[in-house]
């Protein structure tokens, strides 16, 4: 056990952090999906089923609106889960032992939104429409680009040591 701990402290620390970050990301995906599906099929199952809903003056199909609300709730749950696990498991408390607060949470949420929602969406769209990638392949390529980028932003911006 001590040997494993030593690996995580030496030259392999960034790799160990990246692997932990990936594990946390996998769990976040599960949390987001479960919350989204609970919203769709349990909590809001009898709400926004037919007709349209006015969103910013535009008519939106009620079922699409319900799905967007549930997806947003799932994303929010994933971000909260990510912050808790990343701040305690991946990027330890700062050298003085203090925990990171709201500022780190907001930065981490912005990193996640920028890479997961924005960059990933446009990258998938471009790979699919401009280069003819199948949707499944475009999604895999987007994950391959956005995961390391999200890790770097989270490590060096959201969770960087104050000092």
Protein backbone atom coordinates (compact mmCIF):
# COMPACT_ATOMS: atom_id res chain seq x y z
CA UNK A 1 0.00 0.00 0.00
CA UNK A 2 2.83 2.37 0.83
CA UNK A 3 4.36 1.64 -2.56
CA UNK A 4 1.13 2.65 -4.32
CA UNK A 5 0.97 5.82 -2.27
CA UNK A 6 4.58 6.61 -3.21
CA UNK A 7 3.73 6.22 -6.91
CA UNK A 8 1.03 8.83 -6.54
CA UNK A 9 3.46 11.30 -4.98
CA UNK A 10 6.42 11.05 -7.37
CA UNK A 11 6.88 11.47 -11.10
CA UNK A 12 3.68 9.58 -11.81
CA UNK A 13 1.51 11.99 -9.80
CA UNK A 14 0.02 13.73 -12.88
CA UNK A 15 -0.81 10.37 -14.47
CA UNK A 16 -2.37 9.08 -11.24
CA UNK A 17 -4.40 12.30 -10.98
CA UNK A 18 -5.54 11.93 -14.60
CA UNK A 19 -6.68 8.34 -13.98
CA UNK A 20 -8.54 9.39 -10.82
CA UNK A 21 -10.04 12.33 -12.75
CA UNK A 22 -11.26 9.87 -15.39
CA UNK A 23 -12.80 7.61 -12.74
CA UNK A 24 -14.57 10.58 -11.17
CA UNK A 25 -15.75 11.61 -14.64
CA UNK A 26 -17.16 8.13 -15.23
CA UNK A 27 -19.06 8.31 -11.96
CA UNK A 28 -20.29 11.81 -12.87
CA UNK A 29 -21.68 10.41 -16.11
CA UNK A 30 -23.60 7.77 -14.15
CA UNK A 31 -24.89 10.36 -11.66
CA UNK A 32 -25.95 12.74 -14.46
CA UNK A 33 -27.68 9.98 -16.40
CA UNK A 34 -29.54 8.62 -13.36
CA UNK A 35 -30.78 12.09 -12.36
CA UNK A 36 -31.82 12.87 -15.96
CA UNK A 37 -33.71 9.58 -16.29
CA UNK A 38 -35.36 9.94 -12.88
CA UNK A 39 -36.50 13.38 -13.95
CA UNK A 40 -37.82 12.17 -17.29
CA UNK A 41 -39.53 8.99 -16.15
CA UNK A 42 -40.41 9.62 -12.50
CA UNK A 43 -40.38 13.22 -11.26
CA UNK A 44 -41.64 14.97 -14.41
CA UNK A 45 -43.27 11.96 -16.08
CA UNK A 46 -46.70 13.61 -16.12
CA UNK A 47 -45.52 17.15 -16.79
CA UNK A 48 -44.83 18.82 -20.16
CA UNK A 49 -46.04 15.82 -22.18
CA UNK A 50 -47.90 17.56 -24.97
CA UNK A 51 -48.23 20.89 -26.68
CA UNK A 52 -45.69 23.66 -26.50
CA UNK A 53 -44.01 25.72 -23.80
CA UNK A 54 -42.97 29.34 -24.29
CA UNK A 55 -39.24 29.77 -23.66
CA UNK A 56 -37.87 33.29 -24.16
CA UNK A 57 -40.82 34.06 -26.41
CA UNK A 58 -40.35 30.96 -28.60
CA UNK A 59 -42.63 27.98 -28.73
CA UNK A 60 -40.77 24.80 -27.79
CA UNK A 61 -42.25 21.32 -27.84
CA UNK A 62 -43.15 20.43 -24.28
CA UNK A 63 -41.38 17.07 -24.45
CA UNK A 64 -38.16 18.76 -25.64
CA UNK A 65 -38.44 21.29 -22.81
CA UNK A 66 -38.91 18.51 -20.25
CA UNK A 67 -35.84 16.73 -21.58
CA UNK A 68 -33.77 19.93 -21.46
CA UNK A 69 -34.81 20.59 -17.85
CA UNK A 70 -33.94 17.02 -16.82
CA UNK A 71 -30.61 17.16 -18.69
CA UNK A 72 -29.75 20.44 -16.93
CA UNK A 73 -30.61 18.91 -13.54
CA UNK A 74 -28.47 15.89 -14.35
CA UNK A 75 -25.58 18.09 -15.44
CA UNK A 76 -25.85 20.14 -12.23
CA UNK A 77 -25.83 16.97 -10.10
CA UNK A 78 -22.77 15.74 -12.01
CA UNK A 79 -20.93 19.04 -11.44
CA UNK A 80 -21.65 18.98 -7.70
CA UNK A 81 -20.54 15.34 -7.50
CA UNK A 82 -17.44 16.18 -9.54
CA UNK A 83 -16.46 19.04 -7.26
CA UNK A 84 -16.86 16.98 -4.10
CA UNK A 85 -14.90 14.00 -5.42
CA UNK A 86 -12.23 15.97 -7.29
CA UNK A 87 -11.56 18.26 -4.34
CA UNK A 88 -11.18 15.33 -1.93
CA UNK A 89 -9.93 12.44 -4.04
CA UNK A 90 -8.09 13.84 -7.06
CA UNK A 91 -6.82 17.31 -6.16
CA UNK A 92 -6.20 17.18 -2.41
CA UNK A 93 -6.69 20.14 -0.08
CA UNK A 94 -4.09 22.85 -0.30
CA UNK A 95 -0.77 22.61 1.50
CA UNK A 96 -2.11 24.49 4.53
CA UNK A 97 -4.95 21.95 4.84
CA UNK A 98 -7.76 24.33 3.87
CA UNK A 99 -10.48 23.14 1.56
CA UNK A 100 -11.34 24.94 -1.61
CA UNK A 101 -14.57 26.90 -1.59
CA UNK A 102 -17.08 28.44 -3.93
CA UNK A 103 -14.48 30.07 -6.17
CA UNK A 104 -12.97 26.67 -7.05
CA UNK A 105 -16.47 25.23 -7.49
CA UNK A 106 -17.47 27.96 -9.96
CA UNK A 107 -14.20 27.61 -11.87
CA UNK A 108 -14.61 23.84 -12.07
CA UNK A 109 -18.21 24.21 -13.26
CA UNK A 110 -17.06 26.68 -15.94
CA UNK A 111 -14.33 24.24 -17.07
CA UNK A 112 -16.89 21.48 -17.31
CA UNK A 113 -19.38 23.64 -19.21
CA UNK A 114 -16.75 24.94 -21.60
CA UNK A 115 -15.38 21.53 -22.49
CA UNK A 116 -18.29 19.16 -22.00
CA UNK A 117 -21.14 21.26 -23.30
CA UNK A 118 -19.70 23.83 -25.67
CA UNK A 119 -16.48 22.47 -27.17
CA UNK A 120 -17.72 18.88 -27.27
CA UNK A 121 -20.93 19.91 -29.04
CA UNK A 122 -19.21 21.95 -31.74
CA UNK A 123 -16.44 19.41 -32.19
CA UNK A 124 -18.97 16.58 -32.68
CA UNK A 125 -20.99 18.73 -35.07
CA UNK A 126 -17.90 19.62 -37.13
CA UNK A 127 -16.54 16.06 -37.20
CA UNK A 128 -19.92 14.73 -38.28
CA UNK A 129 -21.05 17.33 -40.78
CA UNK A 130 -17.76 18.57 -42.24
CA UNK A 131 -15.67 15.39 -42.11
CA UNK A 132 -18.42 12.78 -42.34
CA UNK A 133 -17.58 10.98 -39.07
CA UNK A 134 -20.31 8.67 -37.78
CA UNK A 135 -21.96 10.13 -34.65
CA UNK A 136 -20.47 7.44 -32.38
CA UNK A 137 -16.97 8.12 -33.73
CA UNK A 138 -17.39 11.89 -33.50
CA UNK A 139 -18.45 11.48 -29.85
CA UNK A 140 -15.43 9.30 -29.06
CA UNK A 141 -13.09 11.80 -30.71
CA UNK A 142 -14.70 14.65 -28.77
CA UNK A 143 -14.17 12.78 -25.50
CA UNK A 144 -10.54 12.13 -26.45
CA UNK A 145 -10.01 15.89 -26.94
CA UNK A 146 -12.17 17.36 -24.18
CA UNK A 147 -11.24 15.03 -21.29
CA UNK A 148 -7.52 15.94 -21.20
CA UNK A 149 -8.38 19.60 -21.77
CA UNK A 150 -10.91 19.55 -18.94
CA UNK A 151 -8.31 17.85 -16.71
CA UNK A 152 -5.70 20.53 -17.45
CA UNK A 153 -8.14 23.39 -16.90
CA UNK A 154 -9.38 21.85 -13.66
CA UNK A 155 -5.89 21.06 -12.36
CA UNK A 156 -4.13 24.30 -13.26
CA UNK A 157 -6.97 26.81 -12.97
CA UNK A 158 -9.83 25.60 -10.77
CA UNK A 159 -7.78 23.60 -8.25
CA UNK A 160 -4.41 25.25 -8.46
CA UNK A 161 -2.76 25.96 -5.14
CA UNK A 162 -3.06 29.53 -3.94
CA UNK A 163 0.32 30.98 -3.51
